PDB file of N, CA and C in Angstrom:
ATOM      1  N   MET A   1      -2.612  -9.391  17.908  1.00  0.00           N
ATOM      2  CA  MET A   1      -2.840 -10.414  16.695  1.00  0.00           C
ATOM      3  C   MET A   1      -2.902 -12.152  17.818  1.00  0.00           C
ATOM      4  N   SER A   2      -3.933 -13.227  17.019  1.00  0.00           N
ATOM      5  CA  SER A   2      -3.927 -13.713  17.335  1.00  0.00           C
ATOM      6  C   SER A   2      -3.226 -15.259  16.480  1.00  0.00           C
ATOM      7  N   ASP A   3      -2.305 -16.649  17.139  1.00  0.00           N
ATOM      8  CA  ASP A   3      -1.596 -17.260  16.191  1.00  0.00           C
ATOM      9  C   ASP A   3      -2.643 -18.136  15.885  1.00  0.00           C
ATOM     10  N   ALA A   4      -3.639 -18.234  16.827  1.00  0.00           N
ATOM     11  CA  ALA A   4      -4.305 -19.654  16.485  1.00  0.00           C
ATOM     12  C   ALA A   4      -4.700 -19.313  14.909  1.00  0.00           C
ATOM     13  N   PRO A   5      -5.150 -20.436  13.956  1.00  0.00           N
ATOM     14  CA  PRO A   5      -5.898 -20.619  12.760  1.00  0.00           C
ATOM     15  C   PRO A   5      -7.116 -19.149  12.714  1.00  0.00           C
ATOM     16  N   ALA A   6      -7.087 -18.641  11.462  1.00  0.00           N
ATOM     17  CA  ALA A   6      -8.582 -17.287  11.343  1.00  0.00           C
ATOM     18  C   ALA A   6      -9.675 -18.886  10.846  1.00  0.00           C
ATOM     19  N   PRO A   7     -11.034 -18.217  10.816  1.00  0.00           N
ATOM     20  CA  PRO A   7     -11.497 -19.472  10.661  1.00  0.00           C
ATOM     21  C   PRO A   7     -11.753 -19.202   8.711  1.00  0.00           C
ATOM     22  N   THR A   8     -12.348 -20.372   8.568  1.00  0.00           N
ATOM     23  CA  THR A   8     -12.578 -21.011   7.058  1.00  0.00           C
ATOM     24  C   THR A   8     -13.199 -20.054   6.512  1.00  0.00           C
ATOM     25  N   ILE A   9     -12.834 -19.689   5.566  1.00  0.00           N
ATOM     26  CA  ILE A   9     -13.618 -18.598   4.851  1.00  0.00           C
ATOM     27  C   ILE A   9     -13.771 -19.266   3.140  1.00  0.00           C
ATOM     28  N   SER A  10     -14.626 -18.453   2.256  1.00  0.00           N
ATOM     29  CA  SER A  10     -15.156 -18.776   1.194  1.00  0.00           C
ATOM     30  C   SER A  10     -13.784 -18.176  -0.169  1.00  0.00           C
ATOM     31  N   PHE A  11     -13.651 -18.985  -1.190  1.00  0.00           N
ATOM     32  CA  PHE A  11     -13.059 -18.417  -2.392  1.00  0.00           C
ATOM     33  C   PHE A  11     -13.763 -16.830  -2.426  1.00  0.00           C
ATOM     34  N   ASP A  12     -15.099 -16.441  -2.033  1.00  0.00           N
ATOM     35  CA  ASP A  12     -15.597 -15.255  -2.818  1.00  0.00           C
ATOM     36  C   ASP A  12     -14.731 -14.248  -1.504  1.00  0.00           C
ATOM     37  N   ASP A  13     -14.864 -14.630  -0.293  1.00  0.00           N
ATOM     38  CA  ASP A  13     -14.326 -13.849   0.910  1.00  0.00           C
ATOM     39  C   ASP A  13     -13.157 -13.755   0.127  1.00  0.00           C
ATOM     40  N   PHE A  14     -11.954 -14.614  -0.144  1.00  0.00           N
ATOM     41  CA  PHE A  14     -10.552 -14.027  -0.181  1.00  0.00           C
ATOM     42  C   PHE A  14     -10.734 -12.844  -1.325  1.00  0.00           C
ATOM     43  N   LEU A  15     -11.776 -13.176  -2.613  1.00  0.00           N
ATOM     44  CA  LEU A  15     -11.759 -12.336  -3.855  1.00  0.00           C
ATOM     45  C   LEU A  15     -11.605 -10.869  -3.104  1.00  0.00           C
ATOM     46  N   LYS A  16     -12.178 -10.753  -1.686  1.00  0.00           N
ATOM     47  CA  LYS A  16     -12.774  -8.805  -1.579  1.00  0.00           C
ATOM     48  C   LYS A  16     -11.543  -8.215  -1.097  1.00  0.00           C
ATOM     49  N   VAL A  17     -10.501  -9.031  -0.520  1.00  0.00           N
ATOM     50  CA  VAL A  17      -9.307  -8.523  -0.507  1.00  0.00           C
ATOM     51  C   VAL A  17      -8.502  -8.440  -0.983  1.00  0.00           C
ATOM     52  N   ASP A  18      -8.339  -7.350  -1.655  1.00  0.00           N
ATOM     53  CA  ASP A  18      -7.640  -6.675  -2.466  1.00  0.00           C
ATOM     54  C   ASP A  18      -6.050  -6.223  -2.446  1.00  0.00           C
ATOM     55  N   ILE A  19      -4.875  -7.119  -2.857  1.00  0.00           N
ATOM     56  CA  ILE A  19      -3.878  -7.513  -2.373  1.00  0.00           C
ATOM     57  C   ILE A  19      -2.940  -6.637  -3.575  1.00  0.00           C
ATOM     58  N   ARG A  20      -2.543  -6.017  -3.536  1.00  0.00           N
ATOM     59  CA  ARG A  20      -1.646  -5.544  -5.115  1.00  0.00           C
ATOM     60  C   ARG A  20      -0.174  -5.339  -4.751  1.00  0.00           C
ATOM     61  N   VAL A  21       0.924  -5.298  -4.671  1.00  0.00           N
ATOM     62  CA  VAL A  21       2.636  -5.069  -5.200  1.00  0.00           C
ATOM     63  C   VAL A  21       2.466  -3.650  -6.034  1.00  0.00           C
ATOM     64  N   GLY A  22       3.253  -3.123  -4.986  1.00  0.00           N
ATOM     65  CA  GLY A  22       3.550  -1.704  -5.671  1.00  0.00           C
ATOM     66  C   GLY A  22       5.735  -1.387  -5.842  1.00  0.00           C
ATOM     67  N   THR A  23       5.766  -0.491  -5.701  1.00  0.00           N
ATOM     68  CA  THR A  23       7.505   0.206  -5.722  1.00  0.00           C
ATOM     69  C   THR A  23       7.196   1.040  -4.516  1.00  0.00           C
ATOM     70  N   VAL A  24       7.824   0.827  -3.221  1.00  0.00           N
ATOM     71  CA  VAL A  24       8.541   2.071  -2.585  1.00  0.00           C
ATOM     72  C   VAL A  24       8.921   3.456  -3.264  1.00  0.00           C
ATOM     73  N   VAL A  25       8.469   4.288  -3.290  1.00  0.00           N
ATOM     74  CA  VAL A  25       9.173   5.536  -4.458  1.00  0.00           C
ATOM     75  C   VAL A  25       9.841   6.389  -3.343  1.00  0.00           C
ATOM     76  N   GLU A  26       9.154   6.525  -2.126  1.00  0.00           N
ATOM     77  CA  GLU A  26      10.099   7.332  -1.394  1.00  0.00           C
ATOM     78  C   GLU A  26       9.619   6.871   0.330  1.00  0.00           C
ATOM     79  N   VAL A  27      10.481   7.237   1.339  1.00  0.00           N
ATOM     80  CA  VAL A  27      10.781   6.646   2.424  1.00  0.00           C
ATOM     81  C   VAL A  27      10.801   8.660   3.682  1.00  0.00           C
ATOM     82  N   HIS A  28       9.859   8.238   4.749  1.00  0.00           N
ATOM     83  CA  HIS A  28      10.198   9.532   5.453  1.00  0.00           C
ATOM     84  C   HIS A  28      10.423   8.569   6.818  1.00  0.00           C
ATOM     85  N   ASP A  29      11.107   9.474   7.652  1.00  0.00           N
ATOM     86  CA  ASP A  29      10.422   9.137   9.241  1.00  0.00           C
ATOM     87  C   ASP A  29       9.599   9.684   9.320  1.00  0.00           C
ATOM     88  N   PHE A  30       8.988   8.621  10.588  1.00  0.00           N
ATOM     89  CA  PHE A  30       7.909   8.882  11.637  1.00  0.00           C
ATOM     90  C   PHE A  30       7.774   9.365  12.664  1.00  0.00           C
ATOM     91  N   PRO A  31       9.075  10.428  13.059  1.00  0.00           N
ATOM     92  CA  PRO A  31       9.162  10.328  14.629  1.00  0.00           C
ATOM     93  C   PRO A  31       7.572  10.639  15.338  1.00  0.00           C
ATOM     94  N   GLU A  32       6.715  10.933  14.875  1.00  0.00           N
ATOM     95  CA  GLU A  32       5.404  10.898  16.220  1.00  0.00           C
ATOM     96  C   GLU A  32       5.084   9.269  16.418  1.00  0.00           C
ATOM     97  N   ALA A  33       5.329   8.542  15.813  1.00  0.00           N
ATOM     98  CA  ALA A  33       4.938   7.250  16.159  1.00  0.00           C
ATOM     99  C   ALA A  33       5.129   6.747  17.373  1.00  0.00           C
ATOM    100  N   ARG A  34       3.874   5.916  18.033  1.00  0.00           N
ATOM    101  CA  ARG A  34       4.402   5.312  19.009  1.00  0.00           C
ATOM    102  C   ARG A  34       5.654   4.361  18.870  1.00  0.00           C
ATOM    103  N   THR A  35       5.363   3.701  17.888  1.00  0.00           N
ATOM    104  CA  THR A  35       6.429   2.617  17.648  1.00  0.00           C
ATOM    105  C   THR A  35       7.333   3.211  16.490  1.00  0.00           C
ATOM    106  N   PRO A  36       8.530   2.673  16.260  1.00  0.00           N
ATOM    107  CA  PRO A  36       8.826   3.003  15.154  1.00  0.00           C
ATOM    108  C   PRO A  36       8.705   2.738  14.233  1.00  0.00           C
ATOM    109  N   ALA A  37       8.399   3.452  13.583  1.00  0.00           N
ATOM    110  CA  ALA A  37       7.893   3.374  11.980  1.00  0.00           C
ATOM    111  C   ALA A  37       8.462   4.889  10.547  1.00  0.00           C
ATOM    112  N   PHE A  38       7.987   3.766  10.087  1.00  0.00           N
ATOM    113  CA  PHE A  38       8.213   4.934   8.353  1.00  0.00           C
ATOM    114  C   PHE A  38       6.962   5.084   7.649  1.00  0.00           C
ATOM    115  N   ILE A  39       6.748   5.960   7.138  1.00  0.00           N
ATOM    116  CA  ILE A  39       6.080   6.685   5.993  1.00  0.00           C
ATOM    117  C   ILE A  39       6.613   6.242   4.501  1.00  0.00           C
ATOM    118  N   LEU A  40       5.943   5.201   4.107  1.00  0.00           N
ATOM    119  CA  LEU A  40       6.140   4.700   2.799  1.00  0.00           C
ATOM    120  C   LEU A  40       4.899   5.587   1.765  1.00  0.00           C
ATOM    121  N   ILE A  41       5.540   5.842   0.594  1.00  0.00           N
ATOM    122  CA  ILE A  41       5.193   6.300  -0.625  1.00  0.00           C
ATOM    123  C   ILE A  41       5.154   5.119  -1.390  1.00  0.00           C
ATOM    124  N   ILE A  42       4.054   4.826  -1.825  1.00  0.00           N
ATOM    125  CA  ILE A  42       3.992   3.602  -2.730  1.00  0.00           C
ATOM    126  C   ILE A  42       3.612   3.481  -4.143  1.00  0.00           C
ATOM    127  N   ASP A  43       4.051   3.346  -4.684  1.00  0.00           N
ATOM    128  CA  ASP A  43       3.611   3.102  -6.136  1.00  0.00           C
ATOM    129  C   ASP A  43       2.640   2.349  -7.266  1.00  0.00           C
ATOM    130  N   PHE A  44       1.383   2.252  -7.026  1.00  0.00           N
ATOM    131  CA  PHE A  44       0.830   1.136  -7.724  1.00  0.00           C
ATOM    132  C   PHE A  44       0.345   0.673  -8.598  1.00  0.00           C
ATOM    133  N   GLY A  45       1.411   1.759  -9.428  1.00  0.00           N
ATOM    134  CA  GLY A  45       0.502   1.747 -11.762  1.00  0.00           C
ATOM    135  C   GLY A  45      -0.521   2.467 -11.358  1.00  0.00           C
ATOM    136  N   PRO A  46      -0.609   2.540 -12.551  1.00  0.00           N
ATOM    137  CA  PRO A  46      -1.342   3.985 -12.912  1.00  0.00           C
ATOM    138  C   PRO A  46      -2.866   3.638 -13.185  1.00  0.00           C
ATOM    139  N   GLU A  47      -3.312   2.382 -12.751  1.00  0.00           N
ATOM    140  CA  GLU A  47      -4.493   2.447 -12.090  1.00  0.00           C
ATOM    141  C   GLU A  47      -4.864   2.798 -10.663  1.00  0.00           C
ATOM    142  N   ILE A  48      -4.493   2.140  -9.860  1.00  0.00           N
ATOM    143  CA  ILE A  48      -4.242   2.648  -8.189  1.00  0.00           C
ATOM    144  C   ILE A  48      -3.493   3.865  -8.048  1.00  0.00           C
ATOM    145  N   GLY A  49      -2.198   4.206  -8.660  1.00  0.00           N
ATOM    146  CA  GLY A  49      -1.738   5.242  -8.294  1.00  0.00           C
ATOM    147  C   GLY A  49      -0.864   5.175  -7.071  1.00  0.00           C
ATOM    148  N   THR A  50      -0.504   6.171  -6.660  1.00  0.00           N
ATOM    149  CA  THR A  50       0.556   6.088  -5.673  1.00  0.00           C
ATOM    150  C   THR A  50      -0.516   7.021  -4.000  1.00  0.00           C
ATOM    151  N   LYS A  51       0.405   5.243  -3.397  1.00  0.00           N
ATOM    152  CA  LYS A  51      -0.626   5.972  -1.814  1.00  0.00           C
ATOM    153  C   LYS A  51       0.862   5.890  -0.663  1.00  0.00           C
ATOM    154  N   LYS A  52       0.089   6.300   0.181  1.00  0.00           N
ATOM    155  CA  LYS A  52       1.197   6.452   1.657  1.00  0.00           C
ATOM    156  C   LYS A  52       0.393   5.783   2.835  1.00  0.00           C
ATOM    157  N   THR A  53       1.627   4.704   3.585  1.00  0.00           N
ATOM    158  CA  THR A  53       1.086   3.950   4.346  1.00  0.00           C
ATOM    159  C   THR A  53       2.042   4.208   5.840  1.00  0.00           C
ATOM    160  N   SER A  54       1.701   4.249   6.712  1.00  0.00           N
ATOM    161  CA  SER A  54       3.176   3.935   8.047  1.00  0.00           C
ATOM    162  C   SER A  54       3.321   2.262   8.050  1.00  0.00           C
ATOM    163  N   ALA A  55       4.784   1.897   8.084  1.00  0.00           N
ATOM    164  CA  ALA A  55       5.014   0.729   8.323  1.00  0.00           C
ATOM    165  C   ALA A  55       6.140   0.833   8.912  1.00  0.00           C
ATOM    166  N   GLN A  56       6.038  -0.027  10.460  1.00  0.00           N
ATOM    167  CA  GLN A  56       6.245  -0.120  11.333  1.00  0.00           C
ATOM    168  C   GLN A  56       7.414  -1.595  11.390  1.00  0.00           C
ATOM    169  N   VAL A  57       8.804  -1.143  10.644  1.00  0.00           N
ATOM    170  CA  VAL A  57       9.721  -1.912   9.633  1.00  0.00           C
ATOM    171  C   VAL A  57      11.607  -1.275   9.664  1.00  0.00           C
ATOM    172  N   THR A  58      11.093  -0.370  10.772  1.00  0.00           N
ATOM    173  CA  THR A  58      12.191   0.145  11.014  1.00  0.00           C
ATOM    174  C   THR A  58      13.443  -0.763  11.739  1.00  0.00           C
ATOM    175  N   ALA A  59      13.253  -1.752  12.424  1.00  0.00           N
ATOM    176  CA  ALA A  59      13.855  -3.153  12.849  1.00  0.00           C
ATOM    177  C   ALA A  59      14.482  -3.335  11.782  1.00  0.00           C
ATOM    178  N   HIS A  60      14.406  -4.125  10.631  1.00  0.00           N
ATOM    179  CA  HIS A  60      15.351  -4.961   9.832  1.00  0.00           C
ATOM    180  C   HIS A  60      15.146  -4.261   8.231  1.00  0.00           C
ATOM    181  N   TYR A  61      15.143  -2.924   7.933  1.00  0.00           N
ATOM    182  CA  TYR A  61      14.640  -1.778   6.689  1.00  0.00           C
ATOM    183  C   TYR A  61      14.994  -0.556   7.115  1.00  0.00           C
ATOM    184  N   ASP A  62      16.410   0.183   6.845  1.00  0.00           N
ATOM    185  CA  ASP A  62      16.388   1.788   6.253  1.00  0.00           C
ATOM    186  C   ASP A  62      15.753   2.379   5.150  1.00  0.00           C
ATOM    187  N   ARG A  63      16.010   3.229   5.021  1.00  0.00           N
ATOM    188  CA  ARG A  63      15.744   4.654   3.894  1.00  0.00           C
ATOM    189  C   ARG A  63      15.787   3.927   2.814  1.00  0.00           C
ATOM    190  N   GLU A  64      16.912   4.373   3.267  1.00  0.00           N
ATOM    191  CA  GLU A  64      17.949   3.513   1.604  1.00  0.00           C
ATOM    192  C   GLU A  64      17.136   2.136   1.112  1.00  0.00           C
ATOM    193  N   THR A  65      17.290   1.044   1.207  1.00  0.00           N
ATOM    194  CA  THR A  65      17.075  -0.280   1.338  1.00  0.00           C
ATOM    195  C   THR A  65      15.503  -0.238   1.117  1.00  0.00           C
ATOM    196  N   LEU A  66      15.020   0.229   1.658  1.00  0.00           N
ATOM    197  CA  LEU A  66      13.040   0.415   1.104  1.00  0.00           C
ATOM    198  C   LEU A  66      13.064   0.821  -0.090  1.00  0.00           C
ATOM    199  N   VAL A  67      13.849   2.246  -0.450  1.00  0.00           N
ATOM    200  CA  VAL A  67      13.220   2.635  -2.423  1.00  0.00           C
ATOM    201  C   VAL A  67      13.844   1.973  -3.101  1.00  0.00           C
ATOM    202  N   GLY A  68      12.341   1.590  -4.421  1.00  0.00           N
ATOM    203  CA  GLY A  68      13.003   0.780  -5.006  1.00  0.00           C
ATOM    204  C   GLY A  68      12.500  -0.571  -5.052  1.00  0.00           C
ATOM    205  N   ARG A  69      11.911  -1.411  -3.300  1.00  0.00           N
ATOM    206  CA  ARG A  69      11.629  -2.372  -3.299  1.00  0.00           C
ATOM    207  C   ARG A  69      10.080  -2.866  -3.869  1.00  0.00           C
ATOM    208  N   GLN A  70      10.093  -3.352  -3.944  1.00  0.00           N
ATOM    209  CA  GLN A  70       8.768  -4.063  -4.300  1.00  0.00           C
ATOM    210  C   GLN A  70       8.343  -4.864  -3.345  1.00  0.00           C
ATOM    211  N   VAL A  71       6.285  -4.805  -2.726  1.00  0.00           N
ATOM    212  CA  VAL A  71       6.363  -5.147  -1.395  1.00  0.00           C
ATOM    213  C   VAL A  71       5.142  -5.121  -1.683  1.00  0.00           C
ATOM    214  N   ALA A  72       4.353  -5.795  -1.018  1.00  0.00           N
ATOM    215  CA  ALA A  72       3.025  -6.437  -1.004  1.00  0.00           C
ATOM    216  C   ALA A  72       1.934  -5.866  -0.015  1.00  0.00           C
ATOM    217  N   ALA A  73       0.943  -5.029  -0.695  1.00  0.00           N
ATOM    218  CA  ALA A  73      -0.312  -4.155   0.331  1.00  0.00           C
ATOM    219  C   ALA A  73      -2.137  -4.684  -0.217  1.00  0.00           C
ATOM    220  N   VAL A  74      -2.413  -4.677   0.749  1.00  0.00           N
ATOM    221  CA  VAL A  74      -4.208  -4.316   1.035  1.00  0.00           C
ATOM    222  C   VAL A  74      -4.345  -3.210   0.748  1.00  0.00           C
ATOM    223  N   VAL A  75      -5.376  -2.347  -0.802  1.00  0.00           N
ATOM    224  CA  VAL A  75      -5.294  -1.332  -1.387  1.00  0.00           C
ATOM    225  C   VAL A  75      -6.642  -1.226  -1.410  1.00  0.00           C
ATOM    226  N   ASN A  76      -7.860  -1.936  -0.572  1.00  0.00           N
ATOM    227  CA  ASN A  76      -9.270  -1.289  -0.262  1.00  0.00           C
ATOM    228  C   ASN A  76      -9.539  -1.360   0.684  1.00  0.00           C
ATOM    229  N   PHE A  77      -9.069  -1.257   1.924  1.00  0.00           N
ATOM    230  CA  PHE A  77      -9.180  -0.754   3.243  1.00  0.00           C
ATOM    231  C   PHE A  77      -9.794   0.276   3.353  1.00  0.00           C
ATOM    232  N   PRO A  78     -10.775   0.666   4.097  1.00  0.00           N
ATOM    233  CA  PRO A  78     -10.546   2.294   4.326  1.00  0.00           C
ATOM    234  C   PRO A  78      -9.529   3.023   4.715  1.00  0.00           C
ATOM    235  N   PRO A  79      -8.859   4.682   4.462  1.00  0.00           N
ATOM    236  CA  PRO A  79      -8.326   5.325   4.839  1.00  0.00           C
ATOM    237  C   PRO A  79      -8.262   4.873   6.436  1.00  0.00           C
ATOM    238  N   ARG A  80      -6.764   4.996   7.236  1.00  0.00           N
ATOM    239  CA  ARG A  80      -7.336   5.409   8.290  1.00  0.00           C
ATOM    240  C   ARG A  80      -6.251   6.054   9.407  1.00  0.00           C
ATOM    241  N   GLN A  81      -6.326   7.042  10.272  1.00  0.00           N
ATOM    242  CA  GLN A  81      -5.609   8.289  10.306  1.00  0.00           C
ATOM    243  C   GLN A  81      -4.590   7.474  11.789  1.00  0.00           C
ATOM    244  N   ILE A  82      -3.029   7.416  11.592  1.00  0.00           N
ATOM    245  CA  ILE A  82      -1.935   6.578  12.055  1.00  0.00           C
ATOM    246  C   ILE A  82      -1.469   8.230  12.707  1.00  0.00           C
ATOM    247  N   GLY A  83      -1.508   8.874  13.772  1.00  0.00           N
ATOM    248  CA  GLY A  83      -1.309   9.986  14.178  1.00  0.00           C
ATOM    249  C   GLY A  83      -1.581  11.010  13.055  1.00  0.00           C
ATOM    250  N   LYS A  84      -0.598  12.192  13.060  1.00  0.00           N
ATOM    251  CA  LYS A  84      -1.281  12.890  12.026  1.00  0.00           C
ATOM    252  C   LYS A  84      -1.523  12.553  11.104  1.00  0.00           C
ATOM    253  N   HIS A  85      -0.797  11.072  10.339  1.00  0.00           N
ATOM    254  CA  HIS A  85      -0.719  10.675   8.931  1.00  0.00           C
ATOM    255  C   HIS A  85      -2.005   9.988   8.352  1.00  0.00           C
ATOM    256  N   MET A  86      -2.215   9.845   7.486  1.00  0.00           N
ATOM    257  CA  MET A  86      -3.317   9.013   6.896  1.00  0.00           C
ATOM    258  C   MET A  86      -2.530   8.058   6.156  1.00  0.00           C
ATOM    259  N   SER A  87      -3.049   7.019   6.674  1.00  0.00           N
ATOM    260  CA  SER A  87      -2.670   5.249   6.044  1.00  0.00           C
ATOM    261  C   SER A  87      -3.867   4.756   4.936  1.00  0.00           C
ATOM    262  N   GLU A  88      -3.586   5.100   3.661  1.00  0.00           N
ATOM    263  CA  GLU A  88      -3.509   4.629   2.525  1.00  0.00           C
ATOM    264  C   GLU A  88      -3.695   3.306   2.211  1.00  0.00           C
ATOM    265  N   VAL A  89      -3.117   2.357   2.598  1.00  0.00           N
ATOM    266  CA  VAL A  89      -3.273   0.530   2.027  1.00  0.00           C
ATOM    267  C   VAL A  89      -2.628   0.406   3.198  1.00  0.00           C
ATOM    268  N   LEU A  90      -2.821  -0.778   3.778  1.00  0.00           N
ATOM    269  CA  LEU A  90      -1.700  -1.881   4.560  1.00  0.00           C
ATOM    270  C   LEU A  90      -1.060  -2.678   4.124  1.00  0.00           C
ATOM    271  N   THR A  91       0.141  -2.675   4.129  1.00  0.00           N
ATOM    272  CA  THR A  91       1.780  -2.884   3.519  1.00  0.00           C
ATOM    273  C   THR A  91       1.480  -4.761   4.786  1.00  0.00           C
ATOM    274  N   LEU A  92       2.038  -5.534   3.815  1.00  0.00           N
ATOM    275  CA  LEU A  92       2.285  -6.607   4.443  1.00  0.00           C
ATOM    276  C   LEU A  92       3.847  -7.722   4.218  1.00  0.00           C
ATOM    277  N   GLY A  93       3.423  -7.907   5.822  1.00  0.00           N
ATOM    278  CA  GLY A  93       4.544  -8.852   6.839  1.00  0.00           C
ATOM    279  C   GLY A  93       4.005 -10.086   7.774  1.00  0.00           C
ATOM    280  N   PHE A  94       5.765  -9.914   7.969  1.00  0.00           N
ATOM    281  CA  PHE A  94       5.134 -11.959   8.840  1.00  0.00           C
ATOM    282  C   PHE A  94       6.581 -11.082  10.234  1.00  0.00           C
ATOM    283  N   PRO A  95       5.776 -11.539  11.460  1.00  0.00           N
ATOM    284  CA  PRO A  95       6.863 -11.090  12.599  1.00  0.00           C
ATOM    285  C   PRO A  95       7.817 -12.128  12.879  1.00  0.00           C
ATOM    286  N   ASP A  96       9.055 -11.708  12.716  1.00  0.00           N
ATOM    287  CA  ASP A  96      10.420 -12.627  12.710  1.00  0.00           C
ATOM    288  C   ASP A  96      10.259 -13.411  14.154  1.00  0.00           C
ATOM    289  N   GLY A  97      11.435 -13.752  14.246  1.00  0.00           N
ATOM    290  CA  GLY A  97      11.267 -14.654  16.083  1.00  0.00           C
ATOM    291  C   GLY A  97      11.590 -13.870  17.371  1.00  0.00           C
ATOM    292  N   GLU A  98      11.796 -12.385  16.853  1.00  0.00           N
ATOM    293  CA  GLU A  98      11.159 -11.881  17.770  1.00  0.00           C
ATOM    294  C   GLU A  98       9.777 -10.202  17.718  1.00  0.00           C
ATOM    295  N   GLY A  99       9.122 -11.230  16.794  1.00  0.00           N
ATOM    296  CA  GLY A  99       7.738 -10.297  16.868  1.00  0.00           C
ATOM    297  C   GLY A  99       8.472  -8.582  16.331  1.00  0.00           C
ATOM    298  N   GLN A 100       9.838  -9.239  15.434  1.00  0.00           N
ATOM    299  CA  GLN A 100       9.641  -7.670  14.335  1.00  0.00           C
ATOM    300  C   GLN A 100       9.412  -8.255  12.410  1.00  0.00           C
ATOM    301  N   VAL A 101       8.640  -7.286  11.839  1.00  0.00           N
ATOM    302  CA  VAL A 101       7.997  -6.958  10.806  1.00  0.00           C
ATOM    303  C   VAL A 101       8.849  -7.741   9.500  1.00  0.00           C
ATOM    304  N   VAL A 102       9.169  -8.769   8.974  1.00  0.00           N
ATOM    305  CA  VAL A 102       9.950  -8.879   7.948  1.00  0.00           C
ATOM    306  C   VAL A 102       8.573  -8.400   6.284  1.00  0.00           C
ATOM    307  N   MET A 103       8.691  -7.681   5.713  1.00  0.00           N
ATOM    308  CA  MET A 103       7.766  -7.404   4.478  1.00  0.00           C
ATOM    309  C   MET A 103       8.363  -8.726   3.646  1.00  0.00           C
ATOM    310  N   ILE A 104       6.499  -8.656   2.976  1.00  0.00           N
ATOM    311  CA  ILE A 104       6.078  -9.490   2.101  1.00  0.00           C
ATOM    312  C   ILE A 104       6.557  -8.263   0.540  1.00  0.00           C
ATOM    313  N   GLY A 105       7.717  -9.669  -0.048  1.00  0.00           N
ATOM    314  CA  GLY A 105       8.180  -9.047  -1.363  1.00  0.00           C
ATOM    315  C   GLY A 105       7.579 -10.175  -2.671  1.00  0.00           C
ATOM    316  N   VAL A 106       8.481  -9.686  -3.353  1.00  0.00           N
ATOM    317  CA  VAL A 106       8.244 -10.891  -4.704  1.00  0.00           C
ATOM    318  C   VAL A 106       9.678 -11.263  -4.850  1.00  0.00           C
ATOM    319  N   ASP A 107       9.773 -12.134  -5.516  1.00  0.00           N
ATOM    320  CA  ASP A 107      11.630 -12.523  -5.555  1.00  0.00           C
ATOM    321  C   ASP A 107      11.911 -11.812  -7.376  1.00  0.00           C
ATOM    322  N   HIS A 108      11.279 -11.466  -7.546  1.00  0.00           N
ATOM    323  CA  HIS A 108      11.063 -11.497  -9.408  1.00  0.00           C
ATOM    324  C   HIS A 108      10.617 -10.013  -9.359  1.00  0.00           C
ATOM    325  N   ALA A 109      11.241  -9.089 -10.367  1.00  0.00           N
ATOM    326  CA  ALA A 109      10.215  -8.200 -10.111  1.00  0.00           C
ATOM    327  C   ALA A 109       8.962  -7.708 -11.745  1.00  0.00           C
ATOM    328  N   VAL A 110       7.700  -7.381 -11.019  1.00  0.00           N
ATOM    329  CA  VAL A 110       6.445  -8.108 -11.816  1.00  0.00           C
ATOM    330  C   VAL A 110       5.744  -6.587 -11.345  1.00  0.00           C
ATOM    331  N   PRO A 111       5.269  -5.844 -12.968  1.00  0.00           N
ATOM    332  CA  PRO A 111       4.605  -4.603 -13.334  1.00  0.00           C
ATOM    333  C   PRO A 111       3.340  -3.843 -11.896  1.00  0.00           C
ATOM    334  N   ASN A 112       3.896  -2.878 -11.285  1.00  0.00           N
ATOM    335  CA  ASN A 112       3.095  -2.312 -10.349  1.00  0.00           C
ATOM    336  C   ASN A 112       1.554  -2.499 -10.239  1.00  0.00           C
ATOM    337  N   GLY A 113       1.007  -2.989  -9.487  1.00  0.00           N
ATOM    338  CA  GLY A 113      -0.788  -2.985  -9.823  1.00  0.00           C
ATOM    339  C   GLY A 113      -0.899  -4.185  -9.879  1.00  0.00           C
ATOM    340  N   GLY A 114       0.539  -4.791  -9.746  1.00  0.00           N
ATOM    341  CA  GLY A 114      -0.641  -6.671 -10.224  1.00  0.00           C
ATOM    342  C   GLY A 114      -0.945  -6.998  -8.787  1.00  0.00           C
ATOM    343  N   ARG A 115      -1.934  -8.147  -8.969  1.00  0.00           N
ATOM    344  CA  ARG A 115      -2.877  -8.226  -7.913  1.00  0.00           C
ATOM    345  C   ARG A 115      -2.499 -10.284  -7.769  1.00  0.00           C
ATOM    346  N   LEU A 116      -2.622  -9.883  -6.166  1.00  0.00           N
ATOM    347  CA  LEU A 116      -2.501 -11.168  -5.704  1.00  0.00           C
ATOM    348  C   LEU A 116      -3.598 -12.335  -6.358  1.00  0.00           C
ATOM    349  N   TYR A 117      -2.937 -13.161  -6.135  1.00  0.00           N
ATOM    350  CA  TYR A 117      -4.433 -14.428  -6.382  1.00  0.00           C
ATOM    351  C   TYR A 117      -3.431 -15.695  -6.319  1.00  0.00           C
TER     352      TYR A 117
END
């Protein structure tokens, strides 16, 4: 990914990206991943349900600290095969100074499935 700003988009373009909050309910090791990663099972509430994703977040997080954490994810990308796992959402984060992922979350509990606006 480039650090250059992306081209200007319309508000309607932004609305096409469905970013929701969910709670991590399970974390599994993903030893087959090329880059260290976990498999996260995230509950996005009754309308979206529970979704699975791989996340390269092992530098800052362990299994115990991820369970119960609310995270942001894009929920309307098509599923993507990551090794032997099908990733159903894209969990969001920012790179730290060394390029390791710091996950986006909320600072107050909100209902699962809430949409970013």
